Amino acid sequence: MQRVYCFVGDGYVYCCMTILAVALIFVVLFMVFISTVLLVIGPVMLLQPHRRTRDYYKRFTSILHPSDLGLRHEELSLKTAEGLNLHCWLIRADGPARGTVIFLHGVSECVIVGLPIAKRLHDAGFHVFLYDSRRHGDSEGRFCTYGFYEKHDTTTVINALLARTDLDVGKIGLLGSSMGAAVAIQVAALDSRVASVVAESGFATLRTVYDEYQKRIIKVPWHYLRNIVIKRSEQIAHFKASAVSPLEAVRDVHGPIFFLHGTTDNLIKASYTKRVYANANEPKELWLIEGARHNDMAVVGGEEYFNRIVEFFERTLA
């Protein structure tokens, strides 16, 4: 061990490089501790988001069911390719439908959040289909994969709708919010039966949005920690995180897309939607709602928010 002598006044203070060694050991132990904790809780946070059901939403709203808006509906269950039951609501148009819109909610949310826009679309003459994504609401499933498997669930919904002999489906549009926007783009890239998409507050890639999530929750910016969590999550849920990329998937979408995002979104940056929009094919539209955050787009956007979504589907599903 190298010794360091420092002259102080009339005496000598004996200093040792042990101080530096202790500091380095502390840093290493801290990194090992953080890595171990993330290896355990990181995949749980990513793959098993909290389920929000009726009990959660009744603290904030009295609109918890289609009947609360005077909407007649059919409650049904559909099975995914793996046999998971998806909880669904079908709200029929009162007369001949102008098309069918499938609503895809965000992470931790459920069908309840789609009721206000479902009411507007129904009144405009559309069938509206809402369902709880796997591992959300009243649907089954252990893991959320942000579109890797969920995009196939939406295809299952489309198959079920088109197989019905009692329903004139017409053209099909997807309306996705947050995670639902990312799923909608991934579905449209694979399924040509999707005529148009509204993508609200979506992310660009799963890896980049998890970086933001990690920094916000545990205040640690290191990418190697993200890679630990992603790798372990892939092993647990048997999926490929790099494949969850609306940024790339949107290149294969050839129908109209309407992008919306709040300029002050504190959960998913508006710049992500700008990047996806830049990669999208024509025809495409972008509306950045000034002052809107992640969960108040309809409040800040007001009537214009509802009107522009309805008008977009009126044009693209006609």
C-alpha atoms as a PDB file:
ATOM      1  CA  MET A   1       0.000   0.000   0.000  1.00  0.00           C
ATOM      2  CA  GLN A   2       1.450   3.356  -0.980  1.00  0.00           C
ATOM      3  CA  ARG A   3       1.653   5.865   1.855  1.00  0.00           C
ATOM      4  CA  VAL A   4       1.058   9.581   1.449  1.00  0.00           C
ATOM      5  CA  TYR A   5       2.479  12.147   3.900  1.00  0.00           C
ATOM      6  CA  CYS A   6       0.971  15.607   4.110  1.00  0.00           C
ATOM      7  CA  PHE A   7       2.727  18.532   5.891  1.00  0.00           C
ATOM      8  CA  VAL A   8       0.373  20.367   8.224  1.00  0.00           C
ATOM      9  CA  GLY A   9       1.813  23.070  10.462  1.00  0.00           C
ATOM     10  CA  ASP A  10       4.496  21.638  12.748  1.00  0.00           C
ATOM     11  CA  GLY A  11       3.417  18.029  12.376  1.00  0.00           C
ATOM     12  CA  TYR A  12       2.715  15.365   9.869  1.00  0.00           C
ATOM     13  CA  VAL A  13      -0.666  13.851   9.104  1.00  0.00           C
ATOM     14  CA  TYR A  14      -0.440  10.295   7.967  1.00  0.00           C
ATOM     15  CA  CYS A  15      -2.794   9.611   5.027  1.00  0.00           C
ATOM     16  CA  CYS A  16      -3.310   6.295   3.371  1.00  0.00           C
ATOM     17  CA  MET A  17      -4.628   5.228   0.010  1.00  0.00           C
ATOM     18  CA  THR A  18      -7.009   3.028   2.003  1.00  0.00           C
ATOM     19  CA  ILE A  19      -9.515   5.884   1.825  1.00  0.00           C
ATOM     20  CA  LEU A  20      -9.618   5.594  -1.958  1.00  0.00           C
ATOM     21  CA  ALA A  21      -9.806   1.825  -1.770  1.00  0.00           C
ATOM     22  CA  VAL A  22     -12.766   1.987   0.623  1.00  0.00           C
ATOM     23  CA  ALA A  23     -14.533   4.428  -1.689  1.00  0.00           C
ATOM     24  CA  LEU A  24     -14.019   2.156  -4.671  1.00  0.00           C
ATOM     25  CA  ILE A  25     -15.269  -0.856  -2.732  1.00  0.00           C
ATOM     26  CA  PHE A  26     -18.342   1.128  -1.712  1.00  0.00           C
ATOM     27  CA  VAL A  27     -19.088   2.032  -5.336  1.00  0.00           C
ATOM     28  CA  VAL A  28     -18.669  -1.563  -6.472  1.00  0.00           C
ATOM     29  CA  LEU A  29     -20.910  -2.884  -3.686  1.00  0.00           C
ATOM     30  CA  PHE A  30     -23.505  -0.246  -4.489  1.00  0.00           C
ATOM     31  CA  MET A  31     -23.531  -1.253  -8.156  1.00  0.00           C
ATOM     32  CA  VAL A  32     -23.810  -4.921  -7.230  1.00  0.00           C
ATOM     33  CA  PHE A  33     -26.689  -4.129  -4.858  1.00  0.00           C
ATOM     34  CA  ILE A  34     -28.587  -2.026  -7.411  1.00  0.00           C
ATOM     35  CA  SER A  35     -28.032  -4.642 -10.119  1.00  0.00           C
ATOM     36  CA  THR A  36     -29.301  -7.428  -7.866  1.00  0.00           C
ATOM     37  CA  VAL A  37     -32.381  -5.461  -6.827  1.00  0.00           C
ATOM     38  CA  LEU A  38     -33.188  -4.588 -10.435  1.00  0.00           C
ATOM     39  CA  LEU A  39     -32.681  -8.161 -11.540  1.00  0.00           C
ATOM     40  CA  VAL A  40     -35.409  -9.166  -9.096  1.00  0.00           C
ATOM     41  CA  ILE A  41     -37.919  -6.304  -9.188  1.00  0.00           C
ATOM     42  CA  GLY A  42     -37.185  -4.854 -12.636  1.00  0.00           C
ATOM     43  CA  PRO A  43     -38.868  -7.624 -14.641  1.00  0.00           C
ATOM     44  CA  VAL A  44     -41.864  -7.530 -12.278  1.00  0.00           C
ATOM     45  CA  MET A  45     -42.280  -3.783 -12.843  1.00  0.00           C
ATOM     46  CA  LEU A  46     -41.938  -4.191 -16.607  1.00  0.00           C
ATOM     47  CA  LEU A  47     -43.921  -7.397 -17.209  1.00  0.00           C
ATOM     48  CA  GLN A  48     -46.577  -7.185 -14.504  1.00  0.00           C
ATOM     49  CA  PRO A  49     -47.961  -3.644 -14.325  1.00  0.00           C
ATOM     50  CA  HIS A  50     -50.610  -2.919 -11.742  1.00  0.00           C
ATOM     51  CA  ARG A  51     -54.137  -3.924 -12.772  1.00  0.00           C
ATOM     52  CA  ARG A  52     -56.634  -1.093 -12.649  1.00  0.00           C
ATOM     53  CA  THR A  53     -60.226  -2.275 -12.513  1.00  0.00           C
ATOM     54  CA  ARG A  54     -63.606  -0.801 -11.581  1.00  0.00           C
ATOM     55  CA  ASP A  55     -62.640  -0.295  -7.926  1.00  0.00           C
ATOM     56  CA  TYR A  56     -59.769   1.976  -8.950  1.00  0.00           C
ATOM     57  CA  TYR A  57     -61.723   4.125 -11.406  1.00  0.00           C
ATOM     58  CA  LYS A  58     -64.829   4.600  -9.261  1.00  0.00           C
ATOM     59  CA  ARG A  59     -62.770   6.956  -7.086  1.00  0.00           C
ATOM     60  CA  PHE A  60     -62.462   9.360 -10.036  1.00  0.00           C
ATOM     61  CA  THR A  61     -65.484   8.868 -12.271  1.00  0.00           C
ATOM     62  CA  SER A  62     -69.047   7.607 -12.355  1.00  0.00           C
ATOM     63  CA  ILE A  63     -68.604   6.358 -15.951  1.00  0.00           C
ATOM     64  CA  LEU A  64     -67.608   2.751 -15.331  1.00  0.00           C
ATOM     65  CA  HIS A  65     -69.777   0.805 -17.754  1.00  0.00           C
ATOM     66  CA  PRO A  66     -71.407   1.366 -21.164  1.00  0.00           C
ATOM     67  CA  SER A  67     -74.794   1.558 -19.460  1.00  0.00           C
ATOM     68  CA  ASP A  68     -73.611   4.635 -17.544  1.00  0.00           C
ATOM     69  CA  LEU A  69     -73.608   6.437 -20.892  1.00  0.00           C
ATOM     70  CA  GLY A  70     -76.832   4.845 -22.083  1.00  0.00           C
ATOM     71  CA  LEU A  71     -74.981   2.541 -24.464  1.00  0.00           C
ATOM     72  CA  ARG A  72     -76.370  -0.878 -25.218  1.00  0.00           C
ATOM     73  CA  HIS A  73     -73.557  -3.376 -25.357  1.00  0.00           C
ATOM     74  CA  GLU A  74     -72.609  -7.019 -25.585  1.00  0.00           C
ATOM     75  CA  GLU A  75     -70.161  -8.388 -23.030  1.00  0.00           C
ATOM     76  CA  LEU A  76     -68.118 -11.295 -24.331  1.00  0.00           C
ATOM     77  CA  SER A  77     -64.879 -13.195 -23.951  1.00  0.00           C
ATOM     78  CA  LEU A  78     -62.410 -14.093 -26.689  1.00  0.00           C
ATOM     79  CA  LYS A  79     -59.514 -16.529 -26.462  1.00  0.00           C
ATOM     80  CA  THR A  80     -56.006 -15.652 -27.585  1.00  0.00           C
ATOM     81  CA  ALA A  81     -53.830 -18.122 -29.488  1.00  0.00           C
ATOM     82  CA  GLU A  82     -52.449 -19.270 -26.111  1.00  0.00           C
ATOM     83  CA  GLY A  83     -55.939 -19.743 -24.660  1.00  0.00           C
ATOM     84  CA  LEU A  84     -56.081 -16.600 -22.528  1.00  0.00           C
ATOM     85  CA  ASN A  85     -59.535 -15.092 -22.036  1.00  0.00           C
ATOM     86  CA  LEU A  86     -59.890 -11.442 -23.068  1.00  0.00           C
ATOM     87  CA  HIS A  87     -62.696  -9.436 -21.489  1.00  0.00           C
ATOM     88  CA  CYS A  88     -64.513  -7.466 -24.225  1.00  0.00           C
ATOM     89  CA  TRP A  89     -67.343  -5.008 -24.841  1.00  0.00           C
ATOM     90  CA  LEU A  90     -69.033  -4.607 -28.214  1.00  0.00           C
ATOM     91  CA  ILE A  91     -71.058  -1.417 -28.604  1.00  0.00           C
ATOM     92  CA  ARG A  92     -73.130  -1.547 -31.781  1.00  0.00           C
ATOM     93  CA  ALA A  93     -74.119   1.417 -33.880  1.00  0.00           C
ATOM     94  CA  ASP A  94     -77.845   2.114 -33.686  1.00  0.00           C
ATOM     95  CA  GLY A  95     -78.276   1.884 -37.457  1.00  0.00           C
ATOM     96  CA  PRO A  96     -76.141   0.774 -40.394  1.00  0.00           C
ATOM     97  CA  ALA A  97     -72.556   1.246 -39.236  1.00  0.00           C
ATOM     98  CA  ARG A  98     -70.060   3.573 -40.873  1.00  0.00           C
ATOM     99  CA  GLY A  99     -67.305   1.170 -39.829  1.00  0.00           C
ATOM    100  CA  THR A 100     -65.853  -0.396 -36.689  1.00  0.00           C
ATOM    101  CA  VAL A 101     -63.290   1.123 -34.319  1.00  0.00           C
ATOM    102  CA  ILE A 102     -61.292  -1.074 -31.934  1.00  0.00           C
ATOM    103  CA  PHE A 103     -60.043   0.741 -28.815  1.00  0.00           C
ATOM    104  CA  LEU A 104     -56.666  -0.234 -27.308  1.00  0.00           C
ATOM    105  CA  HIS A 105     -55.886   1.130 -23.833  1.00  0.00           C
ATOM    106  CA  GLY A 106     -52.589   2.003 -22.166  1.00  0.00           C
ATOM    107  CA  VAL A 107     -50.442   0.159 -19.646  1.00  0.00           C
ATOM    108  CA  SER A 108     -52.189  -0.598 -16.315  1.00  0.00           C
ATOM    109  CA  GLU A 109     -55.479   0.707 -17.726  1.00  0.00           C
ATOM    110  CA  CYS A 110     -58.596  -1.131 -18.938  1.00  0.00           C
ATOM    111  CA  VAL A 111     -61.698  -0.745 -21.117  1.00  0.00           C
ATOM    112  CA  ILE A 112     -63.213   1.849 -18.781  1.00  0.00           C
ATOM    113  CA  VAL A 113     -60.873   4.612 -20.029  1.00  0.00           C
ATOM    114  CA  GLY A 114     -62.213   4.157 -23.562  1.00  0.00           C
ATOM    115  CA  LEU A 115     -65.853   4.847 -22.748  1.00  0.00           C
ATOM    116  CA  PRO A 116     -65.932   8.637 -23.372  1.00  0.00           C
ATOM    117  CA  ILE A 117     -64.528   8.366 -26.910  1.00  0.00           C
ATOM    118  CA  ALA A 118     -66.604   5.214 -27.503  1.00  0.00           C
ATOM    119  CA  LYS A 119     -69.725   7.273 -26.807  1.00  0.00           C
ATOM    120  CA  ARG A 120     -68.711   9.883 -29.393  1.00  0.00           C
ATOM    121  CA  LEU A 121     -67.886   7.259 -32.005  1.00  0.00           C
ATOM    122  CA  HIS A 122     -71.130   5.393 -31.358  1.00  0.00           C
ATOM    123  CA  ASP A 123     -73.156   8.566 -31.718  1.00  0.00           C
ATOM    124  CA  ALA A 124     -71.362   9.223 -35.018  1.00  0.00           C
ATOM    125  CA  GLY A 125     -72.558   5.851 -36.338  1.00  0.00           C
ATOM    126  CA  PHE A 126     -69.656   3.460 -35.636  1.00  0.00           C
ATOM    127  CA  HIS A 127     -69.512   0.076 -33.980  1.00  0.00           C
ATOM    128  CA  VAL A 128     -66.973   0.260 -31.146  1.00  0.00           C
ATOM    129  CA  PHE A 129     -65.098  -2.742 -29.741  1.00  0.00           C
ATOM    130  CA  LEU A 130     -63.162  -2.397 -26.480  1.00  0.00           C
ATOM    131  CA  TYR A 131     -61.205  -5.087 -24.664  1.00  0.00           C
ATOM    132  CA  ASP A 132     -58.835  -5.463 -21.756  1.00  0.00           C
ATOM    133  CA  SER A 133     -55.360  -6.270 -23.007  1.00  0.00           C
ATOM    134  CA  ARG A 134     -53.730  -9.428 -21.649  1.00  0.00           C
ATOM    135  CA  ARG A 135     -52.521  -8.991 -18.058  1.00  0.00           C
ATOM    136  CA  HIS A 136     -54.861  -5.978 -17.704  1.00  0.00           C
ATOM    137  CA  GLY A 137     -58.327  -5.342 -16.323  1.00  0.00           C
ATOM    138  CA  ASP A 138     -60.443  -8.495 -16.271  1.00  0.00           C
ATOM    139  CA  SER A 139     -58.440 -10.309 -18.952  1.00  0.00           C
ATOM    140  CA  GLU A 140     -56.151 -13.219 -18.202  1.00  0.00           C
ATOM    141  CA  GLY A 141     -52.394 -13.381 -18.658  1.00  0.00           C
ATOM    142  CA  ARG A 142     -49.244 -13.281 -16.544  1.00  0.00           C
ATOM    143  CA  PHE A 143     -47.161 -10.852 -18.583  1.00  0.00           C
ATOM    144  CA  CYS A 144     -47.458  -7.631 -20.575  1.00  0.00           C
ATOM    145  CA  THR A 145     -45.130  -7.508 -23.591  1.00  0.00           C
ATOM    146  CA  TYR A 146     -46.163  -4.111 -25.015  1.00  0.00           C
ATOM    147  CA  GLY A 147     -47.177  -5.434 -28.404  1.00  0.00           C
ATOM    148  CA  PHE A 148     -44.978  -8.476 -28.991  1.00  0.00           C
ATOM    149  CA  TYR A 149     -47.893 -10.822 -28.251  1.00  0.00           C
ATOM    150  CA  GLU A 150     -50.622  -8.199 -27.938  1.00  0.00           C
ATOM    151  CA  LYS A 151     -50.594  -7.406 -31.648  1.00  0.00           C
ATOM    152  CA  HIS A 152     -51.724 -10.962 -32.349  1.00  0.00           C
ATOM    153  CA  ASP A 153     -54.538 -10.577 -29.814  1.00  0.00           C
ATOM    154  CA  THR A 154     -55.892  -7.660 -31.835  1.00  0.00           C
ATOM    155  CA  THR A 155     -55.781  -9.816 -34.942  1.00  0.00           C
ATOM    156  CA  THR A 156     -57.813 -12.397 -32.990  1.00  0.00           C
ATOM    157  CA  VAL A 157     -60.376  -9.667 -32.279  1.00  0.00           C
ATOM    158  CA  ILE A 158     -60.542  -8.718 -35.959  1.00  0.00           C
ATOM    159  CA  ASN A 159     -60.999 -12.376 -36.929  1.00  0.00           C
ATOM    160  CA  ALA A 160     -63.862 -12.732 -34.446  1.00  0.00           C
ATOM    161  CA  LEU A 161     -65.601  -9.588 -35.657  1.00  0.00           C
ATOM    162  CA  LEU A 162     -65.389 -10.561 -39.327  1.00  0.00           C
ATOM    163  CA  ALA A 163     -66.610 -14.075 -38.571  1.00  0.00           C
ATOM    164  CA  ARG A 164     -69.918 -12.821 -37.191  1.00  0.00           C
ATOM    165  CA  THR A 165     -72.906 -13.094 -39.475  1.00  0.00           C
ATOM    166  CA  ASP A 166     -75.002 -10.732 -37.347  1.00  0.00           C
ATOM    167  CA  LEU A 167     -72.656  -7.772 -37.688  1.00  0.00           C
ATOM    168  CA  ASP A 168     -71.856  -5.598 -40.692  1.00  0.00           C
ATOM    169  CA  VAL A 169     -68.330  -4.623 -39.629  1.00  0.00           C
ATOM    170  CA  GLY A 170     -67.367  -2.408 -42.560  1.00  0.00           C
ATOM    171  CA  LYS A 171     -63.853  -1.005 -42.563  1.00  0.00           C
ATOM    172  CA  ILE A 172     -61.844  -1.369 -39.353  1.00  0.00           C
ATOM    173  CA  GLY A 173     -59.930   1.372 -37.547  1.00  0.00           C
ATOM    174  CA  LEU A 174     -57.710   1.165 -34.470  1.00  0.00           C
ATOM    175  CA  LEU A 175     -57.654   3.805 -31.725  1.00  0.00           C
ATOM    176  CA  GLY A 176     -54.740   3.293 -29.348  1.00  0.00           C
ATOM    177  CA  SER A 177     -53.594   5.288 -26.352  1.00  0.00           C
ATOM    178  CA  SER A 178     -50.046   5.100 -24.905  1.00  0.00           C
ATOM    179  CA  MET A 179     -49.132   1.390 -25.007  1.00  0.00           C
ATOM    180  CA  GLY A 180     -52.277   0.925 -27.089  1.00  0.00           C
ATOM    181  CA  ALA A 181     -50.898   3.325 -29.698  1.00  0.00           C
ATOM    182  CA  ALA A 182     -47.719   1.258 -29.933  1.00  0.00           C
ATOM    183  CA  VAL A 183     -49.762  -1.927 -30.265  1.00  0.00           C
ATOM    184  CA  ALA A 184     -52.037  -0.374 -32.912  1.00  0.00           C
ATOM    185  CA  ILE A 185     -49.091   0.542 -35.129  1.00  0.00           C
ATOM    186  CA  GLN A 186     -47.592  -2.933 -34.776  1.00  0.00           C
ATOM    187  CA  VAL A 187     -50.956  -4.507 -35.682  1.00  0.00           C
ATOM    188  CA  ALA A 188     -51.451  -2.284 -38.722  1.00  0.00           C
ATOM    189  CA  ALA A 189     -47.970  -3.205 -39.963  1.00  0.00           C
ATOM    190  CA  LEU A 190     -48.983  -6.885 -40.062  1.00  0.00           C
ATOM    191  CA  ASP A 191     -52.705  -6.868 -40.803  1.00  0.00           C
ATOM    192  CA  SER A 192     -53.878  -5.192 -44.012  1.00  0.00           C
ATOM    193  CA  ARG A 193     -57.484  -5.352 -42.793  1.00  0.00           C
ATOM    194  CA  VAL A 194     -56.749  -2.320 -40.608  1.00  0.00           C
ATOM    195  CA  ALA A 195     -57.862   0.665 -42.687  1.00  0.00           C
ATOM    196  CA  SER A 196     -56.629   3.489 -40.432  1.00  0.00           C
ATOM    197  CA  VAL A 197     -55.058   4.206 -37.046  1.00  0.00           C
ATOM    198  CA  VAL A 198     -55.254   6.901 -34.383  1.00  0.00           C
ATOM    199  CA  ALA A 199     -52.086   6.728 -32.250  1.00  0.00           C
ATOM    200  CA  GLU A 200     -52.205   8.845 -29.095  1.00  0.00           C
ATOM    201  CA  SER A 201     -49.210   9.398 -26.767  1.00  0.00           C
ATOM    202  CA  GLY A 202     -47.278   6.366 -27.982  1.00  0.00           C
ATOM    203  CA  PHE A 203     -43.647   5.394 -27.555  1.00  0.00           C
ATOM    204  CA  ALA A 204     -41.015   4.792 -30.236  1.00  0.00           C
ATOM    205  CA  THR A 205     -39.285   1.658 -28.925  1.00  0.00           C
ATOM    206  CA  LEU A 206     -39.651  -0.373 -25.760  1.00  0.00           C
ATOM    207  CA  ARG A 207     -35.978   0.053 -24.885  1.00  0.00           C
ATOM    208  CA  THR A 208     -36.009   3.848 -25.055  1.00  0.00           C
ATOM    209  CA  VAL A 209     -39.223   4.229 -23.079  1.00  0.00           C
ATOM    210  CA  TYR A 210     -37.882   1.863 -20.424  1.00  0.00           C
ATOM    211  CA  ASP A 211     -34.813   4.101 -20.117  1.00  0.00           C
ATOM    212  CA  GLU A 212     -37.127   6.980 -19.228  1.00  0.00           C
ATOM    213  CA  TYR A 213     -39.087   4.776 -16.839  1.00  0.00           C
ATOM    214  CA  GLN A 214     -35.895   3.664 -15.089  1.00  0.00           C
ATOM    215  CA  LYS A 215     -34.609   7.220 -14.674  1.00  0.00           C
ATOM    216  CA  ARG A 216     -37.956   8.426 -13.328  1.00  0.00           C
ATOM    217  CA  ILE A 217     -38.566   5.596 -10.860  1.00  0.00           C
ATOM    218  CA  ILE A 218     -35.110   4.735  -9.483  1.00  0.00           C
ATOM    219  CA  LYS A 219     -33.122   7.806 -10.612  1.00  0.00           C
ATOM    220  CA  VAL A 220     -30.376   5.670 -12.160  1.00  0.00           C
ATOM    221  CA  PRO A 221     -29.515   6.462 -15.819  1.00  0.00           C
ATOM    222  CA  TRP A 222     -27.049   3.639 -16.599  1.00  0.00           C
ATOM    223  CA  HIS A 223     -28.003   1.688 -19.701  1.00  0.00           C
ATOM    224  CA  TYR A 224     -26.307  -1.476 -18.523  1.00  0.00           C
ATOM    225  CA  LEU A 225     -28.945  -1.753 -15.777  1.00  0.00           C
ATOM    226  CA  ARG A 226     -31.687  -1.428 -18.384  1.00  0.00           C
ATOM    227  CA  ASN A 227     -30.047  -4.199 -20.364  1.00  0.00           C
ATOM    228  CA  ILE A 228     -30.023  -6.461 -17.296  1.00  0.00           C
ATOM    229  CA  VAL A 229     -33.755  -5.956 -16.763  1.00  0.00           C
ATOM    230  CA  ILE A 230     -34.631  -6.290 -20.451  1.00  0.00           C
ATOM    231  CA  LYS A 231     -32.610  -9.488 -20.851  1.00  0.00           C
ATOM    232  CA  ARG A 232     -34.117 -11.088 -17.775  1.00  0.00           C
ATOM    233  CA  SER A 233     -37.627 -10.004 -18.815  1.00  0.00           C
ATOM    234  CA  GLU A 234     -37.112 -11.577 -22.249  1.00  0.00           C
ATOM    235  CA  GLN A 235     -36.153 -14.859 -20.606  1.00  0.00           C
ATOM    236  CA  ILE A 236     -39.142 -14.830 -18.266  1.00  0.00           C
ATOM    237  CA  ALA A 237     -41.842 -13.824 -20.769  1.00  0.00           C
ATOM    238  CA  HIS A 238     -40.276 -15.428 -23.873  1.00  0.00           C
ATOM    239  CA  PHE A 239     -40.315 -12.338 -26.066  1.00  0.00           C
ATOM    240  CA  LYS A 240     -37.874 -10.056 -27.883  1.00  0.00           C
ATOM    241  CA  ALA A 241     -37.829  -6.477 -26.634  1.00  0.00           C
ATOM    242  CA  SER A 242     -36.050  -5.134 -29.720  1.00  0.00           C
ATOM    243  CA  ALA A 243     -38.988  -6.334 -31.818  1.00  0.00           C
ATOM    244  CA  VAL A 244     -41.305  -3.963 -29.946  1.00  0.00           C
ATOM    245  CA  SER A 245     -40.587  -0.949 -32.102  1.00  0.00           C
ATOM    246  CA  PRO A 246     -43.391   1.215 -33.516  1.00  0.00           C
ATOM    247  CA  LEU A 247     -40.570   3.336 -34.933  1.00  0.00           C
ATOM    248  CA  GLU A 248     -39.717   0.528 -37.356  1.00  0.00           C
ATOM    249  CA  ALA A 249     -43.160  -1.069 -37.673  1.00  0.00           C
ATOM    250  CA  VAL A 250     -44.723   2.168 -38.917  1.00  0.00           C
ATOM    251  CA  ARG A 251     -42.677   1.881 -42.131  1.00  0.00           C
ATOM    252  CA  ASP A 252     -44.913  -1.066 -43.079  1.00  0.00           C
ATOM    253  CA  VAL A 253     -48.195   0.745 -42.426  1.00  0.00           C
ATOM    254  CA  HIS A 254     -49.761   2.084 -45.606  1.00  0.00           C
ATOM    255  CA  GLY A 255     -53.131   3.287 -44.345  1.00  0.00           C
ATOM    256  CA  PRO A 256     -53.796   6.756 -42.868  1.00  0.00           C
ATOM    257  CA  ILE A 257     -52.432   7.444 -39.382  1.00  0.00           C
ATOM    258  CA  PHE A 258     -53.412  10.302 -37.094  1.00  0.00           C
ATOM    259  CA  PHE A 259     -50.787  10.954 -34.387  1.00  0.00           C
ATOM    260  CA  LEU A 260     -51.613  12.907 -31.227  1.00  0.00           C
ATOM    261  CA  HIS A 261     -49.387  13.845 -28.291  1.00  0.00           C
ATOM    262  CA  GLY A 262     -49.313  16.376 -25.472  1.00  0.00           C
ATOM    263  CA  THR A 263     -46.435  18.856 -25.569  1.00  0.00           C
ATOM    264  CA  THR A 264     -45.871  18.558 -21.796  1.00  0.00           C
ATOM    265  CA  ASP A 265     -46.296  14.785 -21.502  1.00  0.00           C
ATOM    266  CA  ASN A 266     -44.352  13.828 -18.384  1.00  0.00           C
ATOM    267  CA  LEU A 267     -44.391  10.060 -18.975  1.00  0.00           C
ATOM    268  CA  ILE A 268     -43.699   9.583 -22.683  1.00  0.00           C
ATOM    269  CA  LYS A 269     -41.990  12.419 -24.511  1.00  0.00           C
ATOM    270  CA  ALA A 270     -43.724  14.048 -27.470  1.00  0.00           C
ATOM    271  CA  SER A 271     -40.436  13.686 -29.336  1.00  0.00           C
ATOM    272  CA  TYR A 272     -41.108   9.930 -29.580  1.00  0.00           C
ATOM    273  CA  THR A 273     -44.303  10.524 -31.530  1.00  0.00           C
ATOM    274  CA  LYS A 274     -42.453  13.032 -33.727  1.00  0.00           C
ATOM    275  CA  ARG A 275     -39.863  10.363 -34.565  1.00  0.00           C
ATOM    276  CA  VAL A 276     -42.508   7.762 -35.410  1.00  0.00           C
ATOM    277  CA  TYR A 277     -44.426  10.323 -37.465  1.00  0.00           C
ATOM    278  CA  ALA A 278     -41.259  11.113 -39.443  1.00  0.00           C
ATOM    279  CA  ASN A 279     -40.922   7.396 -40.318  1.00  0.00           C
ATOM    280  CA  ALA A 280     -44.575   6.986 -41.289  1.00  0.00           C
ATOM    281  CA  ASN A 281     -45.831   6.817 -44.855  1.00  0.00           C
ATOM    282  CA  GLU A 282     -48.380   9.211 -46.271  1.00  0.00           C
ATOM    283  CA  PRO A 283     -51.174   9.891 -45.627  1.00  0.00           C
ATOM    284  CA  LYS A 284     -50.382  10.957 -42.077  1.00  0.00           C
ATOM    285  CA  GLU A 285     -51.383  13.708 -39.673  1.00  0.00           C
ATOM    286  CA  LEU A 286     -49.813  15.063 -36.484  1.00  0.00           C
ATOM    287  CA  TRP A 287     -51.470  17.110 -33.759  1.00  0.00           C
ATOM    288  CA  LEU A 288     -49.399  18.232 -30.781  1.00  0.00           C
ATOM    289  CA  ILE A 289     -51.823  19.431 -28.103  1.00  0.00           C
ATOM    290  CA  GLU A 290     -50.236  22.405 -26.396  1.00  0.00           C
ATOM    291  CA  GLY A 291     -50.002  22.021 -22.619  1.00  0.00           C
ATOM    292  CA  ALA A 292     -51.427  18.496 -22.514  1.00  0.00           C
ATOM    293  CA  ARG A 293     -49.756  15.831 -20.384  1.00  0.00           C
ATOM    294  CA  HIS A 294     -50.004  12.063 -20.742  1.00  0.00           C
ATOM    295  CA  ASN A 295     -53.427  11.482 -19.229  1.00  0.00           C
ATOM    296  CA  ASP A 296     -55.331  14.714 -19.886  1.00  0.00           C
ATOM    297  CA  MET A 297     -55.408  14.899 -23.685  1.00  0.00           C
ATOM    298  CA  ALA A 298     -59.207  14.966 -23.807  1.00  0.00           C
ATOM    299  CA  VAL A 299     -59.448  17.569 -21.047  1.00  0.00           C
ATOM    300  CA  VAL A 300     -56.939  19.977 -22.609  1.00  0.00           C
ATOM    301  CA  GLY A 301     -58.007  19.254 -26.176  1.00  0.00           C
ATOM    302  CA  GLY A 302     -61.697  19.647 -25.282  1.00  0.00           C
ATOM    303  CA  GLU A 303     -64.323  19.233 -27.989  1.00  0.00           C
ATOM    304  CA  GLU A 304     -61.695  19.576 -30.692  1.00  0.00           C
ATOM    305  CA  TYR A 305     -60.040  16.392 -29.383  1.00  0.00           C
ATOM    306  CA  PHE A 306     -63.204  14.330 -29.821  1.00  0.00           C
ATOM    307  CA  ASN A 307     -64.245  16.018 -33.063  1.00  0.00           C
ATOM    308  CA  ARG A 308     -60.914  15.495 -34.804  1.00  0.00           C
ATOM    309  CA  ILE A 309     -60.782  11.787 -33.922  1.00  0.00           C
ATOM    310  CA  VAL A 310     -64.354  11.204 -35.063  1.00  0.00           C
ATOM    311  CA  GLU A 311     -63.820  13.201 -38.256  1.00  0.00           C
ATOM    312  CA  PHE A 312     -60.636  11.235 -39.033  1.00  0.00           C
ATOM    313  CA  PHE A 313     -62.501   7.929 -38.857  1.00  0.00           C
ATOM    314  CA  GLU A 314     -65.414   9.355 -40.836  1.00  0.00           C
ATOM    315  CA  ARG A 315     -62.967  10.129 -43.658  1.00  0.00           C
ATOM    316  CA  THR A 316     -60.840   6.997 -43.495  1.00  0.00           C
ATOM    317  CA  LEU A 317     -63.481   4.328 -42.837  1.00  0.00           C
ATOM    318  CA  ALA A 318     -66.083   5.675 -45.241  1.00  0.00           C
END
